[in-house]
Amino acid sequence: MDIFLVLLLLMPPAYGEKTIKYAAVIYRHGDRTTVDSYPNDPWKDESLWPEPFGQLTNTGKRQHYKFGKWLRVKYPTLISEKYDAKEVYIRSTDVDRTLMSAQANAAGMYPPSGDAVWNPNLLWQPIPVHTLPEKWDQILAMKRKCVPYDQEKQRYMNSVTYKEKLEKYQSLMEYTTVNSGKKIKNFEDINDIYNILYVETLYNFSLPKWTTAVYPEKLREPACYSFKVATATPLMSRLMVGPLLQEIVGKMKMIIKGLQPLKLAIYSGHDFTIGNILNSIGVYDGNCPVYTATIIFELLEDVDTNEYFIRMLYRNSIELIEPVVIYIPRCGKLCKYQRFIELYENLLTVDWDHECEKQILPTLGIASVVGIVIFVVIVKKLYSRRMHESIYSAISGGDKINKSKIMKIDPAVLEA
């Protein structure tokens, strides 16, 4: 035993000579009421719930408030005692429960003290949370319209691989359809039902007898598989997760160059967000992300060599336990920054605006495009004719003319 202890002490510490320079924290919102119900749901009356459907509950607020305090303890070198807008950036999807989770989390991280106390009766201070309407947010909400993505997803859902996987659950879907009153036709539908039943059990609502045959065991696996569908192919992952990972790694690059004072970026999202990232990185384990499930990307610097590394952590628990360090495929638990970029080039090189928005005109149809072109030509001709008439009128003496203004007329207009 003594020899073992001596050898252990002689071993260099895995992270002892590395300092954390930056962390990107992506978490799921806290506890909420069920987002929806199903036609035969005995608990579909919204008045039976503590909050309207889909809203953060007091439990969810407490979860994120405690989580914010936990983050302060975990990253004391990144989170200053006093809030500094240059050091922290918080972004949320444009949904009540994620916005409120971000605010509760920030309240836990930044309790006001000293001159930050603006109201002695309220030990809270406002911290900015940034957002965009979901339909314009391809980074965090991942819901901005992208035709190539939709086309690729449709190809995947028409593939033999997908259909064979779904076929395994045909009898389950038929049974659930008959008893729930809702048509269950794919993995997302299965997850919707599973999620409703899960939340109802959290609130001690008695489930209908028919559910005992399928919940939770038979529904869990296909429900959790649904989190692989949105990023099932390299192209789907590129267009879905690429923009967010690109932003995170882009900030790391600026920090490495000394051009960015940011120390902490926080993203408040959904189970969908967490599942997409895990699957795109290649580390999704098939378990549904629970409330407050969290992914952390850390940027570390070796103080001796000045090399930079990326470490990925994951906590899939509502309890504030230490997150697990993820083994990044083909790189390990501590991945060199440049190696990470090479491994995930498919995600990090996405030009989302070009790759998605260049498809807008083709979707309008040839007739629409031709119509637009004809309209532009007509307007241009009318404008040119009006300019010719005005110039002729002025030159022919109809109006007094300012010669300096004639000299400024674009020759191209006269030649049109």
Protein backbone atom coordinates (compact mmCIF):
# COMPACT_ATOMS: atom_id res chain seq x y z
CA MET A 1 0.00 0.00 0.00
CA ASP A 2 2.88 2.38 0.89
CA ILE A 3 4.55 1.80 -2.49
CA PHE A 4 1.24 2.47 -4.24
CA LEU A 5 0.84 5.78 -2.41
CA VAL A 6 4.39 6.81 -3.29
CA LEU A 7 3.80 6.04 -6.98
CA LEU A 8 0.50 7.90 -6.87
CA LEU A 9 2.16 10.99 -5.44
CA LEU A 10 4.90 10.84 -8.05
CA MET A 11 2.39 10.77 -10.91
CA PRO A 12 1.81 14.20 -12.51
CA PRO A 13 -1.71 15.53 -11.89
CA ALA A 14 -3.99 15.27 -14.95
CA TYR A 15 -5.18 18.87 -14.78
CA GLY A 16 -2.91 20.36 -12.13
CA GLU A 17 -0.92 22.44 -14.61
CA LYS A 18 -3.85 23.62 -16.66
CA THR A 19 -6.07 26.59 -15.99
CA ILE A 20 -9.62 27.10 -17.18
CA LYS A 21 -9.78 30.22 -19.35
CA TYR A 22 -13.39 30.02 -20.51
CA ALA A 23 -16.51 27.88 -20.16
CA ALA A 24 -19.61 27.61 -22.35
CA VAL A 25 -22.54 26.24 -20.35
CA ILE A 26 -25.58 24.90 -22.19
CA TYR A 27 -28.44 23.80 -19.97
CA ARG A 28 -32.04 22.69 -20.15
CA HIS A 29 -34.68 24.75 -18.35
CA GLY A 30 -36.00 23.68 -14.95
CA ASP A 31 -39.18 21.89 -13.92
CA ARG A 32 -42.27 22.89 -15.89
CA THR A 33 -45.86 21.89 -16.33
CA THR A 34 -46.65 19.63 -19.26
CA VAL A 35 -46.39 21.45 -22.57
CA ASP A 36 -49.50 19.77 -23.95
CA SER A 37 -52.04 17.07 -23.22
CA TYR A 38 -53.59 14.29 -25.29
CA PRO A 39 -57.31 13.96 -26.16
CA ASN A 40 -58.07 11.24 -23.58
CA ASP A 41 -55.87 12.74 -20.88
CA PRO A 42 -57.76 12.86 -17.55
CA TRP A 43 -55.50 15.78 -16.50
CA LYS A 44 -55.88 17.96 -19.58
CA ASP A 45 -57.75 20.65 -17.65
CA GLU A 46 -55.09 23.35 -17.27
CA SER A 47 -56.68 24.60 -14.03
CA LEU A 48 -55.51 21.40 -12.31
CA TRP A 49 -51.89 22.44 -12.74
CA PRO A 50 -49.88 24.94 -10.64
CA GLU A 51 -48.99 26.95 -13.76
CA PRO A 52 -50.36 27.17 -17.31
CA PHE A 53 -49.08 24.52 -19.72
CA GLY A 54 -45.42 24.79 -20.60
CA GLN A 55 -44.53 27.29 -17.88
CA LEU A 56 -41.68 27.12 -15.39
CA THR A 57 -42.84 26.12 -11.91
CA ASN A 58 -41.55 27.30 -8.54
CA THR A 59 -39.64 24.02 -8.37
CA GLY A 60 -37.96 24.90 -11.68
CA LYS A 61 -37.07 28.37 -10.41
CA ARG A 62 -35.46 26.91 -7.29
CA GLN A 63 -33.57 24.34 -9.35
CA HIS A 64 -31.91 27.00 -11.48
CA TYR A 65 -31.33 29.41 -8.62
CA LYS A 66 -29.39 26.66 -6.80
CA PHE A 67 -27.65 25.73 -10.04
CA GLY A 68 -26.48 29.34 -10.46
CA LYS A 69 -24.98 29.28 -6.97
CA TRP A 70 -23.30 25.97 -7.85
CA LEU A 71 -21.76 27.49 -10.99
CA ARG A 72 -20.28 30.32 -8.91
CA VAL A 73 -18.59 27.80 -6.62
CA LYS A 74 -17.35 25.66 -9.53
CA TYR A 75 -15.87 28.56 -11.53
CA PRO A 76 -14.59 31.12 -9.01
CA THR A 77 -11.88 32.31 -11.42
CA LEU A 78 -14.40 32.92 -14.20
CA ILE A 79 -17.27 34.49 -12.23
CA SER A 80 -16.30 37.76 -10.58
CA GLU A 81 -17.80 38.79 -7.26
CA LYS A 82 -19.50 41.68 -9.03
CA TYR A 83 -21.35 41.26 -12.31
CA ASP A 84 -19.24 42.35 -15.28
CA ALA A 85 -20.93 42.49 -18.69
CA LYS A 86 -17.57 41.98 -20.40
CA GLU A 87 -16.99 38.67 -18.64
CA VAL A 88 -20.33 36.88 -18.94
CA TYR A 89 -22.87 36.49 -21.74
CA ILE A 90 -26.27 34.84 -21.27
CA ARG A 91 -28.54 33.81 -24.11
CA SER A 92 -31.87 32.02 -24.08
CA THR A 93 -34.37 30.71 -26.57
CA ASP A 94 -37.41 32.97 -26.83
CA VAL A 95 -39.59 30.77 -24.62
CA ASP A 96 -40.92 31.74 -21.20
CA ARG A 97 -39.52 28.74 -19.33
CA THR A 98 -35.99 29.12 -20.72
CA LEU A 99 -35.94 32.89 -20.20
CA MET A 100 -37.13 32.49 -16.61
CA SER A 101 -34.64 29.67 -15.98
CA ALA A 102 -31.82 31.91 -17.21
CA GLN A 103 -32.97 34.73 -14.93
CA ALA A 104 -33.24 32.44 -11.89
CA ASN A 105 -29.83 30.97 -12.67
CA ALA A 106 -28.27 34.42 -12.98
CA ALA A 107 -29.84 35.43 -9.67
CA GLY A 108 -28.04 32.52 -8.01
CA MET A 109 -24.73 33.42 -9.63
CA TYR A 110 -24.84 37.13 -8.91
CA PRO A 111 -26.41 37.99 -5.55
CA PRO A 112 -25.86 41.73 -5.15
CA SER A 113 -23.43 42.95 -2.52
CA GLY A 114 -21.88 46.30 -1.65
CA ASP A 115 -22.70 49.03 -4.13
CA ALA A 116 -24.51 46.49 -6.34
CA VAL A 117 -27.40 46.50 -3.84
CA TRP A 118 -29.93 48.88 -5.32
CA ASN A 119 -32.85 47.94 -3.06
CA PRO A 120 -32.13 46.79 0.52
CA ASN A 121 -35.46 44.97 0.58
CA LEU A 122 -34.67 42.97 -2.56
CA LEU A 123 -31.38 41.07 -2.69
CA TRP A 124 -31.54 40.64 -6.45
CA GLN A 125 -30.13 42.51 -9.40
CA PRO A 126 -31.18 42.47 -13.06
CA ILE A 127 -28.79 40.58 -15.33
CA PRO A 128 -29.28 40.83 -19.13
CA VAL A 129 -30.50 37.72 -20.95
CA HIS A 130 -30.31 37.94 -24.74
CA THR A 131 -32.73 36.25 -27.10
CA LEU A 132 -34.15 36.17 -30.62
CA PRO A 133 -37.57 35.10 -31.91
CA GLU A 134 -37.37 31.37 -32.53
CA LYS A 135 -38.17 31.69 -36.22
CA TRP A 136 -35.00 33.79 -36.67
CA ASP A 137 -32.78 31.79 -34.33
CA GLN A 138 -30.65 29.14 -36.00
CA ILE A 139 -28.05 29.20 -33.20
CA LEU A 140 -29.85 28.19 -30.00
CA ALA A 141 -33.52 27.56 -30.82
CA MET A 142 -32.37 25.78 -34.00
CA LYS A 143 -35.73 26.54 -35.61
CA ARG A 144 -34.94 29.01 -38.37
CA LYS A 145 -36.23 27.80 -41.71
CA CYS A 146 -33.63 25.94 -43.75
CA VAL A 147 -34.82 24.20 -46.92
CA PRO A 148 -31.74 21.95 -47.38
CA TYR A 149 -32.15 20.75 -43.80
CA ASP A 150 -35.84 19.96 -44.32
CA GLN A 151 -35.02 18.09 -47.52
CA GLU A 152 -32.27 16.08 -45.84
CA LYS A 153 -34.52 15.20 -42.91
CA GLN A 154 -37.22 14.03 -45.27
CA ARG A 155 -34.69 11.85 -47.12
CA TYR A 156 -33.60 10.33 -43.82
CA MET A 157 -37.17 9.65 -42.69
CA ASN A 158 -37.83 7.94 -46.02
CA SER A 159 -34.71 5.79 -45.65
CA VAL A 160 -34.75 2.07 -44.98
CA THR A 161 -32.72 2.60 -41.81
CA TYR A 162 -35.28 4.93 -40.27
CA LYS A 163 -38.32 2.95 -41.40
CA GLU A 164 -36.92 -0.33 -40.08
CA LYS A 165 -36.18 1.27 -36.72
CA LEU A 166 -39.67 2.77 -36.50
CA GLU A 167 -41.30 -0.48 -37.59
CA LYS A 168 -40.11 -2.13 -34.37
CA TYR A 169 -42.53 0.08 -32.47
CA GLN A 170 -45.54 -0.22 -34.75
CA SER A 171 -47.67 -2.16 -32.27
CA LEU A 172 -46.67 0.24 -29.50
CA MET A 173 -47.72 3.23 -31.62
CA GLU A 174 -51.04 1.60 -32.52
CA TYR A 175 -51.78 0.75 -28.88
CA THR A 176 -50.89 4.28 -27.74
CA THR A 177 -52.92 5.86 -30.54
CA VAL A 178 -56.07 3.94 -29.64
CA ASN A 179 -55.82 4.63 -25.92
CA SER A 180 -54.56 8.21 -25.95
CA GLY A 181 -56.79 9.43 -28.76
CA LYS A 182 -53.77 11.02 -30.43
CA LYS A 183 -52.26 9.73 -33.66
CA ILE A 184 -48.77 8.40 -32.87
CA LYS A 185 -46.77 8.01 -36.06
CA ASN A 186 -43.09 8.65 -35.27
CA PHE A 187 -40.46 8.90 -32.53
CA GLU A 188 -41.27 12.53 -31.76
CA ASP A 189 -44.93 11.60 -31.15
CA ILE A 190 -43.85 8.79 -28.83
CA ASN A 191 -41.67 11.24 -26.90
CA ASP A 192 -44.57 13.69 -26.58
CA ILE A 193 -46.74 11.06 -24.88
CA TYR A 194 -43.87 9.76 -22.76
CA ASN A 195 -43.08 13.30 -21.61
CA ILE A 196 -46.68 14.06 -20.65
CA LEU A 197 -46.91 10.89 -18.58
CA TYR A 198 -43.53 11.59 -16.99
CA VAL A 199 -44.53 15.08 -15.88
CA GLU A 200 -47.89 13.84 -14.59
CA THR A 201 -46.11 11.30 -12.39
CA LEU A 202 -43.88 14.07 -11.01
CA TYR A 203 -47.03 15.86 -9.88
CA ASN A 204 -48.53 12.69 -8.41
CA PHE A 205 -51.37 12.51 -10.90
CA SER A 206 -52.74 8.99 -11.25
CA LEU A 207 -52.14 7.66 -14.74
CA PRO A 208 -54.88 5.84 -16.69
CA LYS A 209 -54.80 2.03 -16.41
CA TRP A 210 -53.86 1.61 -20.06
CA THR A 211 -50.49 3.25 -19.42
CA THR A 212 -49.28 0.44 -17.11
CA ALA A 213 -48.70 -1.76 -20.17
CA VAL A 214 -46.32 0.75 -21.82
CA TYR A 215 -45.11 3.35 -19.31
CA PRO A 216 -42.35 3.87 -18.55
CA GLU A 217 -40.33 0.95 -19.89
CA LYS A 218 -41.73 0.36 -23.38
CA LEU A 219 -42.05 4.05 -24.20
CA ARG A 220 -38.69 5.18 -22.79
CA GLU A 221 -36.31 3.78 -25.41
CA PRO A 222 -38.12 5.07 -28.53
CA ALA A 223 -38.89 8.36 -26.75
CA CYS A 224 -35.22 8.93 -25.99
CA TYR A 225 -34.26 7.80 -29.50
CA SER A 226 -36.19 10.82 -30.78
CA PHE A 227 -33.26 13.00 -29.71
CA LYS A 228 -31.13 11.39 -32.44
CA VAL A 229 -33.55 12.11 -35.28
CA ALA A 230 -32.90 15.84 -35.76
CA THR A 231 -29.16 15.26 -36.24
CA ALA A 232 -29.28 11.81 -37.84
CA THR A 233 -26.97 12.61 -40.77
CA PRO A 234 -23.77 14.68 -41.10
CA LEU A 235 -25.62 17.35 -43.08
CA MET A 236 -28.44 17.56 -40.55
CA SER A 237 -25.89 17.92 -37.73
CA ARG A 238 -23.99 20.57 -39.70
CA LEU A 239 -27.06 22.74 -40.28
CA MET A 240 -28.65 22.12 -36.88
CA VAL A 241 -25.75 22.26 -34.41
CA GLY A 242 -23.02 23.85 -36.53
CA PRO A 243 -24.00 27.48 -35.81
CA LEU A 244 -23.96 27.03 -32.00
CA LEU A 245 -20.69 25.09 -31.88
CA GLN A 246 -19.21 27.58 -34.32
CA GLU A 247 -20.10 30.43 -31.95
CA ILE A 248 -18.67 28.64 -28.90
CA VAL A 249 -15.38 27.68 -30.56
CA GLY A 250 -15.20 31.07 -32.27
CA LYS A 251 -15.21 32.76 -28.87
CA MET A 252 -12.50 30.36 -27.72
CA LYS A 253 -10.38 31.41 -30.69
CA MET A 254 -10.77 35.09 -29.78
CA ILE A 255 -9.81 34.35 -26.17
CA ILE A 256 -6.71 32.45 -27.27
CA LYS A 257 -5.69 35.47 -29.38
CA GLY A 258 -6.27 37.77 -26.41
CA LEU A 259 -9.03 39.66 -28.23
CA GLN A 260 -11.94 38.61 -26.03
CA PRO A 261 -12.36 39.31 -22.28
CA LEU A 262 -15.31 36.91 -22.08
CA LYS A 263 -14.96 34.18 -19.47
CA LEU A 264 -18.37 32.55 -19.32
CA ALA A 265 -21.12 32.04 -21.93
CA ILE A 266 -24.43 30.56 -20.84
CA TYR A 267 -27.10 29.17 -23.14
CA SER A 268 -30.57 28.37 -21.79
CA GLY A 269 -32.33 25.83 -23.97
CA HIS A 270 -34.33 22.62 -24.07
CA ASP A 271 -33.88 18.85 -24.01
CA PHE A 272 -33.89 19.17 -27.81
CA THR A 273 -30.84 21.46 -27.58
CA ILE A 274 -28.94 19.09 -25.32
CA GLY A 275 -29.79 16.00 -27.36
CA ASN A 276 -28.75 17.61 -30.64
CA ILE A 277 -25.35 18.66 -29.32
CA LEU A 278 -24.59 15.28 -27.73
CA ASN A 279 -25.58 13.36 -30.85
CA SER A 280 -23.63 15.66 -33.18
CA ILE A 281 -20.50 15.26 -31.07
CA GLY A 282 -21.08 11.50 -31.10
CA VAL A 283 -21.59 11.00 -27.37
CA TYR A 284 -25.36 10.68 -26.92
CA ASP A 285 -25.97 7.67 -24.63
CA GLY A 286 -29.67 7.14 -25.39
CA ASN A 287 -30.97 8.66 -22.14
CA CYS A 288 -33.42 11.56 -22.37
CA PRO A 289 -32.01 14.86 -21.02
CA VAL A 290 -33.78 15.69 -17.74
CA TYR A 291 -34.58 19.13 -16.28
CA THR A 292 -31.40 21.24 -15.86
CA ALA A 293 -29.33 18.70 -17.86
CA THR A 294 -26.10 20.53 -18.66
CA ILE A 295 -23.27 20.38 -21.18
CA ILE A 296 -20.10 22.37 -20.50
CA PHE A 297 -17.30 23.08 -22.95
CA GLU A 298 -14.19 24.31 -21.14
CA LEU A 299 -11.14 25.94 -22.71
CA LEU A 300 -8.00 25.10 -20.74
CA GLU A 301 -4.45 26.40 -21.11
CA ASP A 302 -1.33 24.49 -20.17
CA VAL A 303 0.65 26.99 -18.09
CA ASP A 304 3.98 25.43 -19.11
CA THR A 305 3.51 24.93 -22.85
CA ASN A 306 0.73 27.50 -23.51
CA GLU A 307 -1.13 24.79 -25.41
CA TYR A 308 -4.92 24.94 -25.39
CA PHE A 309 -7.34 22.09 -24.79
CA ILE A 310 -11.09 21.55 -24.84
CA ARG A 311 -12.82 19.52 -22.16
CA MET A 312 -16.47 18.49 -22.38
CA LEU A 313 -18.58 17.74 -19.32
CA TYR A 314 -22.14 16.48 -18.98
CA ARG A 315 -24.59 16.27 -16.08
CA ASN A 316 -27.88 14.52 -16.73
CA SER A 317 -29.45 14.84 -13.31
CA ILE A 318 -31.70 17.27 -11.47
CA GLU A 319 -29.34 16.81 -8.51
CA LEU A 320 -26.36 19.17 -8.30
CA ILE A 321 -23.76 16.48 -8.70
CA GLU A 322 -20.38 16.94 -10.34
CA PRO A 323 -20.72 16.52 -14.12
CA VAL A 324 -19.00 13.64 -15.88
CA VAL A 325 -16.01 14.40 -18.08
CA ILE A 326 -16.93 13.13 -21.54
CA TYR A 327 -14.56 11.06 -23.64
CA ILE A 328 -14.54 12.93 -26.94
CA PRO A 329 -14.39 10.35 -29.76
CA ARG A 330 -10.89 9.95 -31.25
CA CYS A 331 -9.52 12.59 -28.89
CA GLY A 332 -10.04 11.67 -25.24
CA LYS A 333 -11.14 13.49 -22.09
CA LEU A 334 -8.76 16.35 -22.74
CA CYS A 335 -8.76 17.24 -26.42
CA LYS A 336 -6.22 19.55 -28.00
CA TYR A 337 -7.95 22.64 -29.32
CA GLN A 338 -6.67 22.21 -32.87
CA ARG A 339 -7.51 18.50 -32.88
CA PHE A 340 -11.08 19.30 -31.81
CA ILE A 341 -11.40 21.73 -34.73
CA GLU A 342 -10.15 19.06 -37.14
CA LEU A 343 -12.50 16.40 -35.76
CA TYR A 344 -15.59 18.59 -36.00
CA GLU A 345 -14.74 20.43 -39.20
CA ASN A 346 -18.11 19.39 -40.63
CA LEU A 347 -19.87 21.40 -37.91
CA LEU A 348 -17.45 24.28 -37.52
CA THR A 349 -17.17 25.24 -41.20
CA VAL A 350 -20.90 25.71 -41.77
CA ASP A 351 -21.92 28.89 -43.59
CA TRP A 352 -25.53 28.70 -42.49
CA ASP A 353 -26.79 31.85 -44.20
CA HIS A 354 -25.31 30.84 -47.54
CA GLU A 355 -26.18 27.15 -47.32
CA CYS A 356 -29.76 27.69 -46.16
CA GLU A 357 -30.87 31.02 -47.54
CA LYS A 358 -29.50 30.47 -51.04
CA GLN A 359 -32.38 28.01 -51.40
CA ILE A 360 -35.09 30.62 -50.89
CA LEU A 361 -35.46 31.61 -54.56
CA PRO A 362 -35.75 28.02 -55.85
CA THR A 363 -38.56 27.39 -53.39
CA LEU A 364 -40.53 30.29 -54.81
CA GLY A 365 -40.90 28.50 -58.13
CA ILE A 366 -39.76 29.43 -61.62
CA ALA A 367 -42.91 31.39 -62.42
CA SER A 368 -42.48 33.56 -59.32
CA VAL A 369 -38.84 34.27 -60.12
CA VAL A 370 -39.67 35.18 -63.73
CA GLY A 371 -42.42 37.49 -62.48
CA ILE A 372 -40.01 39.26 -60.15
CA VAL A 373 -37.45 39.72 -62.94
CA ILE A 374 -40.09 41.16 -65.33
CA PHE A 375 -41.29 43.55 -62.62
CA VAL A 376 -37.75 44.82 -61.99
CA VAL A 377 -37.15 45.34 -65.74
CA ILE A 378 -40.40 47.32 -66.13
CA VAL A 379 -39.60 49.54 -63.14
CA LYS A 380 -36.11 50.19 -64.48
CA LYS A 381 -37.46 51.15 -67.94
CA LEU A 382 -40.05 53.50 -66.45
CA TYR A 383 -37.42 55.10 -64.24
CA SER A 384 -35.05 55.57 -67.21
CA ARG A 385 -37.82 57.10 -69.36
CA ARG A 386 -38.77 59.52 -66.59
CA MET A 387 -35.12 60.57 -66.23
CA HIS A 388 -34.82 61.18 -70.01
CA GLU A 389 -37.99 63.31 -70.01
CA SER A 390 -36.81 65.39 -67.06
CA ILE A 391 -33.39 66.01 -68.61
CA TYR A 392 -34.91 66.88 -72.03
CA SER A 393 -37.35 69.29 -70.40
CA ALA A 394 -34.57 71.03 -68.55
CA ILE A 395 -32.26 71.26 -71.57
CA SER A 396 -35.06 72.52 -73.86
CA GLY A 397 -35.74 75.48 -71.58
CA GLY A 398 -38.82 74.23 -69.79
CA ASP A 399 -37.10 74.97 -66.45
CA LYS A 400 -34.09 76.90 -65.37
CA ILE A 401 -31.28 74.46 -65.07
CA ASN A 402 -28.44 74.13 -62.62
CA LYS A 403 -25.47 73.14 -64.77
CA SER A 404 -23.62 71.70 -61.83
CA LYS A 405 -26.48 69.21 -61.29
CA ILE A 406 -26.40 68.13 -64.94
CA MET A 407 -22.71 67.34 -64.57
CA LYS A 408 -23.50 65.02 -61.65
CA ILE A 409 -25.94 62.86 -63.61
CA ASP A 410 -24.63 59.32 -64.01
CA PRO A 411 -23.71 58.80 -67.72
CA ALA A 412 -25.04 55.26 -67.43
CA VAL A 413 -28.52 56.70 -66.90
CA LEU A 414 -28.31 58.78 -70.08
CA GLU A 415 -27.26 55.71 -72.07
CA ALA A 416 -30.05 53.48 -70.70
